[in-house]
Amino acid sequence: MPVVPYIPKQPNDLIRAADWNQLQIDARAEIQSHSHEGGDKGVKLGSNALADGAVGTAQLANGAVTKAKLADDISMSVEPGSIGTTQLADKAVTMQKLAVDVSQQIAKIEQILALAEQALTTAQAAQTAANQALTKANEALTKANTAGTQATAAATAANTASSRASEALTKGKVALKLAYTLHGQDAKDITS
C-alpha cells in the first residue's frame, strides 16, 4: 500500500498553523491506533517480537490457554508459532486462564491426589493397628512359651516324683516283707 501524506502539499506551498496542528492530531491518532493487526494498523508481529516474560496473566483471556498451548514439561506439545514458555511471565497462567478441558483435567488430578492421600492415611492407620496387634501377639506367644516351659518343668518334676514314689513303694514292700520274715510271721501277699 502506498504511503500518502496526512496533508498533501506541493513544492513552495505554505505550511499553515492549521495544517501543522492537523498534522500533529493525525500523527497522534495513527500512533495510538497502531495495533500490529496488519495493513494500516502495522505489520503483524510473530512470537519472536515479544520479549521473554512479556505476556502475563492480564494479557490472557480467561479460558484462552488450551491443552495445545501448554509447554512440553506438562506432557502436551506447543503449536508452532504460538507463544512459548519464554514469552510467559512466571506464574502468568492461573486457573482462570486455562481452558475448560485443562481445568477439568487438573481438577480430576487434584481429586485423585486427595483420594490417594486418604487411602495412604487409612493404610498407615491399618499398619499401625497391625503392628500393635503383632506386638500383643508376640507378648502372648512369649507368655505361652514361658507357661509351656513351666508346664514342662512341672511335668518333669511330677514324673520324677512319681518315679521316686514308685521306688519308695517298692522299697517299702520289700522292707515290710523282710520285717514279717524277721518276726517269724508268714509274709503276706504285699505285692499289691
C-alpha atoms as a PDB file:
ATOM      1  CA  MET A   1       0.000   0.000   0.000  1.00  0.00           C
ATOM      2  CA  PRO A   2       1.492   3.372  -0.979  1.00  0.00           C
ATOM      3  CA  VAL A   3       2.293   5.846   1.772  1.00  0.00           C
ATOM      4  CA  VAL A   4       0.321   9.060   1.481  1.00  0.00           C
ATOM      5  CA  PRO A   5       0.920  12.296   3.409  1.00  0.00           C
ATOM      6  CA  TYR A   6      -1.543  13.423   6.040  1.00  0.00           C
ATOM      7  CA  ILE A   7      -1.969  16.829   4.354  1.00  0.00           C
ATOM      8  CA  PRO A   8      -0.671  16.771   0.765  1.00  0.00           C
ATOM      9  CA  LYS A   9       1.410  19.829  -0.279  1.00  0.00           C
ATOM     10  CA  GLN A  10       3.179  20.845  -3.431  1.00  0.00           C
ATOM     11  CA  PRO A  11       6.610  22.452  -3.695  1.00  0.00           C
ATOM     12  CA  ASN A  12       6.576  26.081  -2.496  1.00  0.00           C
ATOM     13  CA  ASP A  13       3.194  25.647  -0.698  1.00  0.00           C
ATOM     14  CA  LEU A  14       2.964  27.362   2.659  1.00  0.00           C
ATOM     15  CA  ILE A  15       2.673  25.352   5.870  1.00  0.00           C
ATOM     16  CA  ARG A  16      -0.144  26.955   7.785  1.00  0.00           C
ATOM     17  CA  ALA A  17      -0.696  26.644  11.534  1.00  0.00           C
ATOM     18  CA  ALA A  18      -3.948  24.778  10.933  1.00  0.00           C
ATOM     19  CA  ASP A  19      -2.086  22.286   8.729  1.00  0.00           C
ATOM     20  CA  TRP A  20       0.647  21.868  11.323  1.00  0.00           C
ATOM     21  CA  ASN A  21      -1.915  21.289  14.118  1.00  0.00           C
ATOM     22  CA  GLN A  22      -3.884  18.832  11.993  1.00  0.00           C
ATOM     23  CA  LEU A  23      -0.636  17.011  11.143  1.00  0.00           C
ATOM     24  CA  GLN A  24       0.046  16.517  14.877  1.00  0.00           C
ATOM     25  CA  ILE A  25      -3.511  15.315  15.530  1.00  0.00           C
ATOM     26  CA  ASP A  26      -3.389  12.832  12.640  1.00  0.00           C
ATOM     27  CA  ALA A  27       0.067  11.535  13.669  1.00  0.00           C
ATOM     28  CA  ARG A  28      -1.028  11.057  17.284  1.00  0.00           C
ATOM     29  CA  ALA A  29      -4.233   9.249  16.229  1.00  0.00           C
ATOM     30  CA  GLU A  30      -2.281   6.894  13.958  1.00  0.00           C
ATOM     31  CA  ILE A  31       0.258   6.147  16.679  1.00  0.00           C
ATOM     32  CA  GLN A  32      -2.488   5.473  19.221  1.00  0.00           C
ATOM     33  CA  SER A  33      -4.375   3.170  16.842  1.00  0.00           C
ATOM     34  CA  HIS A  34      -1.226   1.291  15.812  1.00  0.00           C
ATOM     35  CA  SER A  35      -2.018  -2.339  16.840  1.00  0.00           C
ATOM     36  CA  HIS A  36       0.081  -4.531  14.527  1.00  0.00           C
ATOM     37  CA  GLU A  37      -3.094  -6.084  13.118  1.00  0.00           C
ATOM     38  CA  GLY A  38      -1.706  -5.692   9.594  1.00  0.00           C
ATOM     39  CA  GLY A  39      -2.252  -3.126   6.833  1.00  0.00           C
ATOM     40  CA  ASP A  40      -2.511   0.482   8.053  1.00  0.00           C
ATOM     41  CA  LYS A  41      -2.520  -0.814  11.657  1.00  0.00           C
ATOM     42  CA  GLY A  42       1.092  -2.014  11.382  1.00  0.00           C
ATOM     43  CA  VAL A  43       2.809  -5.260  10.430  1.00  0.00           C
ATOM     44  CA  LYS A  44       1.570  -8.351  12.253  1.00  0.00           C
ATOM     45  CA  LEU A  45       4.044  -9.464  14.908  1.00  0.00           C
ATOM     46  CA  GLY A  46       5.233 -13.053  15.451  1.00  0.00           C
ATOM     47  CA  SER A  47       6.110 -14.618  18.786  1.00  0.00           C
ATOM     48  CA  ASN A  48       9.761 -13.569  18.340  1.00  0.00           C
ATOM     49  CA  ALA A  49       8.679  -9.890  18.562  1.00  0.00           C
ATOM     50  CA  LEU A  50       7.652 -10.365  22.206  1.00  0.00           C
ATOM     51  CA  ALA A  51      10.192 -10.055  24.994  1.00  0.00           C
ATOM     52  CA  ASP A  52      10.620 -13.019  27.336  1.00  0.00           C
ATOM     53  CA  GLY A  53       8.044 -12.729  30.118  1.00  0.00           C
ATOM     54  CA  ALA A  54       6.097 -10.012  28.212  1.00  0.00           C
ATOM     55  CA  VAL A  55       2.810 -11.950  28.291  1.00  0.00           C
ATOM     56  CA  GLY A  56       1.379 -12.032  31.792  1.00  0.00           C
ATOM     57  CA  THR A  57      -1.881 -13.055  33.395  1.00  0.00           C
ATOM     58  CA  ALA A  58      -3.567  -9.759  32.487  1.00  0.00           C
ATOM     59  CA  GLN A  59      -2.880 -10.298  28.767  1.00  0.00           C
ATOM     60  CA  LEU A  60      -4.509 -13.750  28.703  1.00  0.00           C
ATOM     61  CA  ALA A  61      -8.269 -14.005  28.371  1.00  0.00           C
ATOM     62  CA  ASN A  62      -9.975 -16.445  30.737  1.00  0.00           C
ATOM     63  CA  GLY A  63     -10.080 -19.895  29.142  1.00  0.00           C
ATOM     64  CA  ALA A  64      -7.555 -18.857  26.458  1.00  0.00           C
ATOM     65  CA  VAL A  65      -4.867 -21.415  27.339  1.00  0.00           C
ATOM     66  CA  THR A  66      -5.884 -24.731  25.802  1.00  0.00           C
ATOM     67  CA  LYS A  67      -4.210 -28.105  26.148  1.00  0.00           C
ATOM     68  CA  ALA A  68      -2.451 -27.463  22.838  1.00  0.00           C
ATOM     69  CA  LYS A  69      -0.839 -24.285  24.236  1.00  0.00           C
ATOM     70  CA  LEU A  70       0.745 -25.861  27.325  1.00  0.00           C
ATOM     71  CA  ALA A  71       4.514 -26.398  27.461  1.00  0.00           C
ATOM     72  CA  ASP A  72       6.172 -29.760  26.817  1.00  0.00           C
ATOM     73  CA  ASP A  73       7.015 -30.165  30.505  1.00  0.00           C
ATOM     74  CA  ILE A  74       3.282 -30.564  31.113  1.00  0.00           C
ATOM     75  CA  SER A  75       3.310 -33.520  28.714  1.00  0.00           C
ATOM     76  CA  MET A  76       1.489 -31.634  25.967  1.00  0.00           C
ATOM     77  CA  SER A  77       3.034 -30.006  22.897  1.00  0.00           C
ATOM     78  CA  VAL A  78       3.092 -26.333  21.916  1.00  0.00           C
ATOM     79  CA  GLU A  79       1.844 -25.496  18.428  1.00  0.00           C
ATOM     80  CA  PRO A  80       4.441 -23.943  16.107  1.00  0.00           C
ATOM     81  CA  GLY A  81       4.120 -20.162  16.066  1.00  0.00           C
ATOM     82  CA  SER A  82       2.333 -19.966  19.401  1.00  0.00           C
ATOM     83  CA  ILE A  83       3.597 -18.098  22.422  1.00  0.00           C
ATOM     84  CA  GLY A  84       6.119 -20.318  24.199  1.00  0.00           C
ATOM     85  CA  THR A  85       7.078 -20.521  27.841  1.00  0.00           C
ATOM     86  CA  THR A  86       9.871 -17.983  27.424  1.00  0.00           C
ATOM     87  CA  GLN A  87       7.317 -15.305  26.471  1.00  0.00           C
ATOM     88  CA  LEU A  88       5.122 -16.020  29.518  1.00  0.00           C
ATOM     89  CA  ALA A  89       5.982 -14.287  32.775  1.00  0.00           C
ATOM     90  CA  ASP A  90       6.451 -16.559  35.782  1.00  0.00           C
ATOM     91  CA  LYS A  91       3.100 -17.556  37.323  1.00  0.00           C
ATOM     92  CA  ALA A  92       1.232 -15.832  34.467  1.00  0.00           C
ATOM     93  CA  VAL A  93      -1.056 -18.795  33.749  1.00  0.00           C
ATOM     94  CA  THR A  94      -3.653 -19.038  36.523  1.00  0.00           C
ATOM     95  CA  MET A  95      -6.590 -21.476  36.759  1.00  0.00           C
ATOM     96  CA  GLN A  96      -8.900 -18.789  35.313  1.00  0.00           C
ATOM     97  CA  LYS A  97      -6.691 -18.529  32.194  1.00  0.00           C
ATOM     98  CA  LEU A  98      -6.834 -22.253  31.434  1.00  0.00           C
ATOM     99  CA  ALA A  99      -9.371 -23.627  29.001  1.00  0.00           C
ATOM    100  CA  VAL A 100     -12.206 -25.683  30.472  1.00  0.00           C
ATOM    101  CA  ASP A 101     -10.765 -29.054  29.376  1.00  0.00           C
ATOM    102  CA  VAL A 102      -7.404 -28.320  31.054  1.00  0.00           C
ATOM    103  CA  SER A 103      -9.101 -27.035  34.210  1.00  0.00           C
ATOM    104  CA  GLN A 104     -11.233 -30.183  34.350  1.00  0.00           C
ATOM    105  CA  GLN A 105      -8.183 -32.416  33.982  1.00  0.00           C
ATOM    106  CA  ILE A 106      -6.374 -30.549  36.767  1.00  0.00           C
ATOM    107  CA  ALA A 107      -9.478 -30.803  38.982  1.00  0.00           C
ATOM    108  CA  LYS A 108      -9.623 -34.577  38.348  1.00  0.00           C
ATOM    109  CA  ILE A 109      -5.928 -34.916  39.198  1.00  0.00           C
ATOM    110  CA  GLU A 110      -6.481 -32.946  42.409  1.00  0.00           C
ATOM    111  CA  GLN A 111      -9.418 -35.254  43.302  1.00  0.00           C
ATOM    112  CA  ILE A 112      -7.291 -38.333  42.632  1.00  0.00           C
ATOM    113  CA  LEU A 113      -4.491 -36.908  44.792  1.00  0.00           C
ATOM    114  CA  ALA A 114      -6.942 -36.227  47.618  1.00  0.00           C
ATOM    115  CA  LEU A 115      -8.273 -39.791  47.404  1.00  0.00           C
ATOM    116  CA  ALA A 116      -4.723 -41.154  47.328  1.00  0.00           C
ATOM    117  CA  GLU A 117      -3.834 -39.135  50.436  1.00  0.00           C
ATOM    118  CA  GLN A 118      -6.927 -40.504  52.210  1.00  0.00           C
ATOM    119  CA  ALA A 119      -6.020 -44.056  51.185  1.00  0.00           C
ATOM    120  CA  LEU A 120      -2.458 -43.538  52.407  1.00  0.00           C
ATOM    121  CA  THR A 121      -3.700 -42.243  55.756  1.00  0.00           C
ATOM    122  CA  THR A 122      -6.041 -45.233  56.076  1.00  0.00           C
ATOM    123  CA  ALA A 123      -3.251 -47.646  55.137  1.00  0.00           C
ATOM    124  CA  GLN A 124      -0.905 -46.045  57.677  1.00  0.00           C
ATOM    125  CA  ALA A 125      -3.561 -46.375  60.392  1.00  0.00           C
ATOM    126  CA  ALA A 126      -4.124 -50.030  59.415  1.00  0.00           C
ATOM    127  CA  GLN A 127      -0.384 -50.657  59.511  1.00  0.00           C
ATOM    128  CA  THR A 128      -0.159 -49.095  62.972  1.00  0.00           C
ATOM    129  CA  ALA A 129      -3.053 -51.274  64.187  1.00  0.00           C
ATOM    130  CA  ALA A 130      -1.455 -54.363  62.640  1.00  0.00           C
ATOM    131  CA  ASN A 131       1.872 -53.557  64.299  1.00  0.00           C
ATOM    132  CA  GLN A 132       0.121 -53.162  67.668  1.00  0.00           C
ATOM    133  CA  ALA A 133      -1.699 -56.490  67.181  1.00  0.00           C
ATOM    134  CA  LEU A 134       1.592 -58.160  66.214  1.00  0.00           C
ATOM    135  CA  THR A 135       3.253 -56.789  69.354  1.00  0.00           C
ATOM    136  CA  LYS A 136       0.402 -58.147  71.512  1.00  0.00           C
ATOM    137  CA  ALA A 137       0.554 -61.498  69.730  1.00  0.00           C
ATOM    138  CA  ASN A 138       4.317 -61.683  70.340  1.00  0.00           C
ATOM    139  CA  GLU A 139       3.770 -60.850  74.010  1.00  0.00           C
ATOM    140  CA  ALA A 140       1.101 -63.583  74.258  1.00  0.00           C
ATOM    141  CA  LEU A 141       3.405 -66.049  72.491  1.00  0.00           C
ATOM    142  CA  THR A 142       6.216 -65.214  74.918  1.00  0.00           C
ATOM    143  CA  LYS A 143       3.849 -65.787  77.857  1.00  0.00           C
ATOM    144  CA  ALA A 144       2.626 -69.041  76.285  1.00  0.00           C
ATOM    145  CA  ASN A 145       6.220 -70.197  75.754  1.00  0.00           C
ATOM    146  CA  THR A 146       7.044 -69.314  79.344  1.00  0.00           C
ATOM    147  CA  ALA A 147       3.919 -71.170  80.552  1.00  0.00           C
ATOM    148  CA  GLY A 148       4.824 -74.128  78.320  1.00  0.00           C
ATOM    149  CA  THR A 149       8.348 -74.200  79.734  1.00  0.00           C
ATOM    150  CA  GLN A 150       6.953 -74.037  83.258  1.00  0.00           C
ATOM    151  CA  ALA A 151       4.395 -76.787  82.465  1.00  0.00           C
ATOM    152  CA  THR A 152       7.161 -78.979  81.027  1.00  0.00           C
ATOM    153  CA  ALA A 153       9.261 -78.413  84.142  1.00  0.00           C
ATOM    154  CA  ALA A 154       6.262 -79.221  86.358  1.00  0.00           C
ATOM    155  CA  ALA A 155       5.536 -82.388  84.369  1.00  0.00           C
ATOM    156  CA  THR A 156       9.188 -83.437  84.608  1.00  0.00           C
ATOM    157  CA  ALA A 157       9.126 -82.788  88.344  1.00  0.00           C
ATOM    158  CA  ALA A 158       5.879 -84.755  88.663  1.00  0.00           C
ATOM    159  CA  ASN A 159       7.363 -87.674  86.690  1.00  0.00           C
ATOM    160  CA  THR A 160      10.470 -87.588  88.860  1.00  0.00           C
ATOM    161  CA  ALA A 161       8.321 -87.520  91.998  1.00  0.00           C
ATOM    162  CA  SER A 162       6.178 -90.375  90.669  1.00  0.00           C
ATOM    163  CA  SER A 163       9.280 -92.465  89.910  1.00  0.00           C
ATOM    164  CA  ARG A 164      10.669 -91.806  93.360  1.00  0.00           C
ATOM    165  CA  ALA A 165       7.315 -92.644  94.912  1.00  0.00           C
ATOM    166  CA  SER A 166       7.244 -95.930  92.980  1.00  0.00           C
ATOM    167  CA  GLU A 167      10.785 -96.722  94.119  1.00  0.00           C
ATOM    168  CA  ALA A 168       9.875 -95.846  97.696  1.00  0.00           C
ATOM    169  CA  LEU A 169       6.761 -98.037  97.495  1.00  0.00           C
ATOM    170  CA  THR A 170       8.779-100.915  96.132  1.00  0.00           C
ATOM    171  CA  LYS A 171      11.380-100.485  98.884  1.00  0.00           C
ATOM    172  CA  GLY A 172       8.649-100.213 101.462  1.00  0.00           C
ATOM    173  CA  LYS A 173       7.092-103.501 100.306  1.00  0.00           C
ATOM    174  CA  VAL A 174      10.479-105.219 100.430  1.00  0.00           C
ATOM    175  CA  ALA A 175      11.078-103.813 103.906  1.00  0.00           C
ATOM    176  CA  LEU A 176       7.651-104.919 105.082  1.00  0.00           C
ATOM    177  CA  LYS A 177       8.228-108.410 103.721  1.00  0.00           C
ATOM    178  CA  LEU A 178      11.593-108.546 105.446  1.00  0.00           C
ATOM    179  CA  ALA A 179      10.027-107.356 108.672  1.00  0.00           C
ATOM    180  CA  TYR A 180       7.408-110.129 108.521  1.00  0.00           C
ATOM    181  CA  THR A 181      10.076-112.649 107.783  1.00  0.00           C
ATOM    182  CA  LEU A 182      12.270-111.463 110.683  1.00  0.00           C
ATOM    183  CA  HIS A 183       9.419-111.698 113.133  1.00  0.00           C
ATOM    184  CA  GLY A 184       8.683-115.166 112.004  1.00  0.00           C
ATOM    185  CA  GLN A 185       5.437-114.359 110.534  1.00  0.00           C
ATOM    186  CA  ASP A 186       4.375-115.522 107.154  1.00  0.00           C
ATOM    187  CA  ALA A 187       4.944-112.931 104.585  1.00  0.00           C
ATOM    188  CA  LYS A 188       1.620-111.827 103.350  1.00  0.00           C
ATOM    189  CA  ASP A 189       0.989-111.018  99.792  1.00  0.00           C
ATOM    190  CA  ILE A 190       2.024-107.387  99.859  1.00  0.00           C
ATOM    191  CA  THR A 191       2.683-107.040  96.209  1.00  0.00           C
ATOM    192  CA  SER A 192      -0.445-105.026  95.664  1.00  0.00           C
END
